Amino acid sequence: MTRKLLAAACGLAAVAGLGLTLAAQTADDAAVVRLTPTKRYPHDARAFTQGFAWHDGVLYEGTGRHGTSVLRTVDLETGRTKAFRKLDDRLFGEGVCVLGDEVFQLTWQSGWAFVYDRETLTAKRRFRIAGEGWGLTTDGKRLILSDGSSVLRFLDPATGTVTGRVRVTDRGRPVDQLNELEWVRRADGEPEVLANVWYSPHIARIDPATGEVTGWLDGSELVRLSGVNDREKVLNGIAWDEQGERLLLTGKLWPAVYEVPWPKAP
């Protein structure tokens, strides 16, 4: 049984073992910053969001589940779909990122990553990935992939070849269930990878060079505002707007996207 199916089968035990434990570990940590949104945008509540990216003023979203997985561009202000591409019903879409003039989309268990033209979403090529695909981002040269473990893999975007790995730890403890990813580089800060932790409202801030978690973003308020009460409807969408210095955050089957200015340290 795969990690995702196993966790689902464990029911609330999985939540207690991951999300609540993480909350307890970080509740008194000065490195935890609570996120407060400044704006709310509409979001398709039928979208099982797996990948989220903002590039040149365009919002890209990848969704999952067999039979309903898509890649699309979305008008942020209205939530309406613009360009659209449906995946084969046998595929379960996962993480999405934009690099150059291409959009990359992972699939969960098929072993394929797909590459599309950024403007038209026309399929260009595909390459193999080992194991499962969960989250995807890029540092501008390499792809960075999560697979639900505590390891991030760095890939050559032309071939999918693994060029490096880093294990993510928080004060020496491995942090697994890493899901949707986003690369952030602010003008006044070091680069970092943000990672949703599955079944948790927390987002890890990761040093991509060492894998060390340098802090946490607490999205509990966004979960509350979204009004979701189904444990499957987790926070799972991070898009970074470099020009606006803002985060765009959503979740699986959420009715809203939340705008959050880059949070200041407490």
Protein backbone atom coordinates (compact mmCIF):
# COMPACT_ATOMS: atom_id res chain seq x y z
CA MET A 1 0.00 0.00 0.00
CA THR A 2 1.35 3.42 -0.89
CA ARG A 3 2.08 6.11 1.67
CA LYS A 4 -0.98 8.16 0.71
CA LEU A 5 -3.39 5.23 0.81
CA LEU A 6 -1.87 3.92 4.02
CA ALA A 7 -2.25 7.27 5.74
CA ALA A 8 -5.85 7.56 4.58
CA ALA A 9 -6.60 4.06 5.87
CA CYS A 10 -5.19 4.99 9.28
CA GLY A 11 -7.85 7.69 9.64
CA LEU A 12 -7.48 10.04 12.54
CA ALA A 13 -4.41 8.17 13.73
CA ALA A 14 -2.52 9.60 10.78
CA VAL A 15 -3.54 13.10 11.76
CA ALA A 16 -2.52 12.53 15.36
CA GLY A 17 0.74 11.04 14.25
CA LEU A 18 1.66 13.85 11.92
CA GLY A 19 -0.27 17.09 12.06
CA LEU A 20 -0.95 17.21 15.80
CA THR A 21 2.55 16.04 16.66
CA LEU A 22 4.02 18.72 14.43
CA ALA A 23 1.79 21.33 16.00
CA ALA A 24 2.95 20.28 19.44
CA GLN A 25 6.59 20.38 18.40
CA THR A 26 6.32 23.87 16.95
CA ALA A 27 3.71 25.50 19.18
CA ASP A 28 6.27 27.15 21.45
CA ASP A 29 8.98 27.62 18.84
CA ALA A 30 9.91 31.27 18.18
CA ALA A 31 10.52 30.35 14.53
CA VAL A 32 6.79 29.73 13.97
CA VAL A 33 5.04 32.61 12.22
CA ARG A 34 1.25 32.63 12.01
CA LEU A 35 -0.10 33.59 8.62
CA THR A 36 -2.73 36.33 8.36
CA PRO A 37 -4.34 36.90 4.95
CA THR A 38 -5.00 40.37 3.60
CA LYS A 39 -7.17 39.37 0.67
CA ARG A 40 -9.40 36.51 -0.43
CA TYR A 41 -9.98 35.38 -4.02
CA PRO A 42 -12.52 32.83 -5.33
CA HIS A 43 -11.30 29.30 -6.00
CA ASP A 44 -12.98 26.31 -7.64
CA ALA A 45 -14.08 24.20 -4.67
CA ARG A 46 -14.07 21.13 -6.94
CA ALA A 47 -10.32 21.48 -7.56
CA PHE A 48 -8.23 18.89 -5.72
CA THR A 49 -5.22 21.21 -5.76
CA GLN A 50 -1.85 19.48 -6.05
CA GLY A 51 0.33 22.13 -7.70
CA PHE A 52 0.27 25.93 -7.60
CA ALA A 53 2.58 28.45 -9.29
CA TRP A 54 2.59 32.16 -10.16
CA HIS A 55 4.65 33.27 -13.16
CA ASP A 56 4.60 36.61 -14.99
CA GLY A 57 1.18 37.45 -13.63
CA VAL A 58 -0.36 34.07 -14.49
CA LEU A 59 -1.61 31.53 -11.94
CA TYR A 60 -0.97 27.89 -12.88
CA GLU A 61 -2.79 25.10 -11.08
CA GLY A 62 -2.53 21.33 -11.28
CA THR A 63 -5.22 19.11 -9.78
CA GLY A 64 -5.35 15.45 -8.84
CA ARG A 65 -7.61 12.39 -8.66
CA HIS A 66 -8.13 9.86 -11.41
CA GLY A 67 -10.52 11.12 -14.05
CA THR A 68 -10.44 14.77 -12.96
CA SER A 69 -6.73 15.70 -13.05
CA VAL A 70 -6.00 18.84 -15.06
CA LEU A 71 -3.42 21.51 -15.71
CA ARG A 72 -4.86 24.98 -16.15
CA THR A 73 -4.28 28.70 -15.90
CA VAL A 74 -6.63 30.62 -13.64
CA ASP A 75 -7.73 34.23 -13.42
CA LEU A 76 -6.86 35.10 -9.83
CA GLU A 77 -9.51 37.81 -9.45
CA THR A 78 -12.44 35.68 -10.62
CA GLY A 79 -11.24 32.11 -10.08
CA ARG A 80 -12.23 31.25 -13.64
CA THR A 81 -10.27 28.80 -15.75
CA LYS A 82 -8.50 30.24 -18.80
CA ALA A 83 -6.29 27.74 -20.64
CA PHE A 84 -7.04 24.11 -19.79
CA ARG A 85 -5.59 20.66 -20.37
CA LYS A 86 -7.08 17.44 -18.99
CA LEU A 87 -4.86 14.49 -18.14
CA ASP A 88 -5.63 10.95 -19.18
CA ASP A 89 -8.15 9.39 -16.77
CA ARG A 90 -5.53 6.84 -15.70
CA LEU A 91 -3.25 9.59 -14.39
CA PHE A 92 -3.33 11.34 -11.02
CA GLY A 93 -1.88 14.84 -11.34
CA GLU A 94 0.50 16.23 -8.74
CA GLY A 95 2.98 19.13 -8.41
CA VAL A 96 3.42 21.90 -10.98
CA CYS A 97 6.13 24.48 -11.68
CA VAL A 98 7.14 26.89 -14.44
CA LEU A 99 10.70 27.10 -15.81
CA GLY A 100 11.49 29.25 -18.83
CA ASP A 101 8.83 28.74 -21.47
CA GLU A 102 7.71 25.37 -20.10
CA VAL A 103 5.31 24.08 -17.45
CA PHE A 104 6.19 20.84 -15.67
CA GLN A 105 3.60 18.57 -14.05
CA LEU A 106 4.20 15.47 -11.96
CA THR A 107 1.97 12.44 -11.72
CA TRP A 108 1.57 10.45 -8.54
CA GLN A 109 2.31 6.80 -9.35
CA SER A 110 2.61 6.48 -13.11
CA GLY A 111 6.32 7.32 -13.14
CA TRP A 112 5.92 10.17 -15.65
CA ALA A 113 6.45 13.91 -15.57
CA PHE A 114 4.90 15.93 -18.38
CA VAL A 115 6.19 19.11 -20.00
CA TYR A 116 3.95 21.67 -21.71
CA ASP A 117 4.33 24.92 -23.59
CA ARG A 118 3.81 27.72 -21.08
CA GLU A 119 1.62 29.85 -23.34
CA THR A 120 -0.65 27.22 -24.88
CA LEU A 121 -0.33 24.23 -22.49
CA THR A 122 0.39 22.11 -25.56
CA ALA A 123 2.18 18.87 -24.63
CA LYS A 124 5.86 18.94 -25.66
CA ARG A 125 7.51 15.93 -24.06
CA ARG A 126 7.67 13.73 -20.99
CA PHE A 127 10.29 11.96 -18.92
CA ARG A 128 10.44 9.20 -16.35
CA ILE A 129 10.68 9.75 -12.60
CA ALA A 130 11.47 7.06 -10.05
CA GLY A 131 8.99 6.44 -7.26
CA GLU A 132 6.06 8.70 -6.49
CA GLY A 133 5.64 12.34 -7.47
CA TRP A 134 4.12 14.74 -4.91
CA GLY A 135 5.39 18.33 -5.04
CA LEU A 136 7.46 20.23 -7.60
CA THR A 137 9.26 23.57 -7.79
CA THR A 138 12.37 25.03 -9.40
CA ASP A 139 15.34 27.17 -8.41
CA GLY A 140 15.52 28.53 -11.96
CA LYS A 141 17.94 25.84 -13.13
CA ARG A 142 16.91 22.56 -11.53
CA LEU A 143 13.59 20.97 -10.67
CA ILE A 144 13.04 20.13 -7.00
CA LEU A 145 10.74 17.17 -6.29
CA SER A 146 9.11 15.78 -3.15
CA ASP A 147 7.75 12.24 -2.89
CA GLY A 148 6.16 12.21 0.56
CA SER A 149 9.38 11.26 2.30
CA SER A 150 11.85 13.56 4.07
CA VAL A 151 14.05 13.72 0.95
CA LEU A 152 13.96 16.40 -1.75
CA ARG A 153 15.43 15.41 -5.12
CA PHE A 154 17.01 17.80 -7.60
CA LEU A 155 16.38 16.95 -11.26
CA ASP A 156 17.78 17.99 -14.61
CA PRO A 157 14.74 19.62 -16.30
CA ALA A 158 15.76 18.34 -19.72
CA THR A 159 15.95 14.65 -18.81
CA GLY A 160 14.59 14.17 -15.29
CA THR A 161 17.94 12.78 -14.20
CA VAL A 162 18.53 13.10 -10.45
CA THR A 163 21.48 15.43 -9.87
CA GLY A 164 21.32 15.68 -6.08
CA ARG A 165 19.38 15.01 -2.89
CA VAL A 166 18.92 16.63 0.48
CA ARG A 167 17.24 15.22 3.59
CA VAL A 168 14.93 17.64 5.40
CA THR A 169 15.35 17.80 9.17
CA ASP A 170 14.13 19.99 12.01
CA ARG A 171 16.68 20.12 14.83
CA GLY A 172 17.97 16.74 13.73
CA ARG A 173 14.58 15.08 13.30
CA PRO A 174 13.54 14.04 9.78
CA VAL A 175 10.45 15.86 8.45
CA ASP A 176 8.50 13.62 6.10
CA GLN A 177 5.14 13.86 4.29
CA LEU A 178 6.58 16.81 2.35
CA ASN A 179 4.04 17.69 -0.30
CA GLU A 180 3.49 20.82 -2.44
CA LEU A 181 6.65 22.91 -2.83
CA GLU A 182 7.56 26.49 -3.69
CA TRP A 183 10.94 28.16 -4.23
CA VAL A 184 11.20 31.60 -2.62
CA ARG A 185 14.01 34.08 -3.05
CA ARG A 186 13.41 37.51 -1.58
CA ALA A 187 15.56 40.54 -2.29
CA ASP A 188 16.71 40.72 1.33
CA GLY A 189 16.89 37.03 2.14
CA GLU A 190 18.51 33.70 1.36
CA PRO A 191 16.70 31.28 -0.97
CA GLU A 192 14.41 28.76 0.66
CA VAL A 193 11.97 26.04 -0.25
CA LEU A 194 8.50 26.15 1.28
CA ALA A 195 6.83 22.77 1.73
CA ASN A 196 3.32 21.87 2.77
CA VAL A 197 3.32 19.00 5.24
CA TRP A 198 0.48 16.61 4.43
CA TYR A 199 -2.33 16.56 6.99
CA SER A 200 -0.88 19.60 8.71
CA PRO A 201 -1.63 23.35 8.53
CA HIS A 202 2.10 24.03 8.80
CA ILE A 203 4.50 24.97 6.02
CA ALA A 204 8.19 24.17 6.47
CA ARG A 205 10.83 26.75 5.52
CA ILE A 206 13.77 24.72 4.23
CA ASP A 207 17.36 25.67 3.47
CA PRO A 208 17.81 24.00 0.06
CA ALA A 209 21.57 23.63 0.57
CA THR A 210 21.40 21.73 3.87
CA GLY A 211 17.80 20.52 4.18
CA GLU A 212 17.54 22.16 7.60
CA VAL A 213 14.15 23.59 8.53
CA THR A 214 14.80 27.22 9.46
CA GLY A 215 11.26 27.98 10.58
CA TRP A 216 7.57 27.25 10.15
CA LEU A 217 4.60 29.12 8.73
CA ASP A 218 1.35 28.35 10.54
CA GLY A 219 -1.66 28.36 8.21
CA SER A 220 -4.25 27.43 10.85
CA GLU A 221 -6.11 30.70 10.35
CA LEU A 222 -6.46 30.02 6.62
CA VAL A 223 -7.91 26.59 7.34
CA ARG A 224 -10.42 28.19 9.70
CA LEU A 225 -11.38 30.90 7.22
CA SER A 226 -11.84 28.39 4.42
CA GLY A 227 -14.59 26.71 6.43
CA VAL A 228 -13.44 23.18 5.61
CA ASN A 229 -14.11 20.38 8.09
CA ASP A 230 -12.99 17.37 6.05
CA ARG A 231 -9.47 16.18 6.89
CA GLU A 232 -8.78 15.50 3.20
CA LYS A 233 -9.25 19.21 2.41
CA VAL A 234 -5.77 20.13 3.52
CA LEU A 235 -3.69 23.23 2.93
CA ASN A 236 -1.86 22.30 -0.27
CA GLY A 237 -1.11 25.15 -2.62
CA ILE A 238 1.77 27.64 -2.40
CA ALA A 239 2.47 30.22 -5.10
CA TRP A 240 5.09 32.95 -4.61
CA ASP A 241 4.71 36.31 -6.34
CA GLU A 242 8.25 37.67 -6.32
CA GLN A 243 7.32 41.13 -7.54
CA GLY A 244 4.50 41.56 -5.06
CA GLU A 245 6.40 39.85 -2.21
CA ARG A 246 3.26 37.89 -1.43
CA LEU A 247 2.16 34.30 -1.04
CA LEU A 248 -0.97 32.91 -2.68
CA LEU A 249 -2.23 29.96 -0.65
CA THR A 250 -5.06 27.50 -1.07
CA GLY A 251 -5.96 23.89 -0.32
CA LYS A 252 -7.57 20.80 -1.76
CA LEU A 253 -11.24 21.54 -2.49
CA TRP A 254 -11.02 24.97 -0.88
CA PRO A 255 -13.43 27.74 -1.95
CA ALA A 256 -10.79 30.46 -1.72
CA VAL A 257 -7.21 31.52 -2.45
CA TYR A 258 -5.66 33.69 0.26
CA GLU A 259 -3.13 36.45 -0.28
CA VAL A 260 -0.55 36.73 2.48
CA PRO A 261 2.25 39.33 2.47
CA TRP A 262 5.62 37.82 3.24
CA PRO A 263 5.39 37.38 7.03
CA LYS A 264 7.73 39.25 9.31
CA ALA A 265 9.53 37.44 12.12
CA PRO A 266 7.69 37.60 15.46
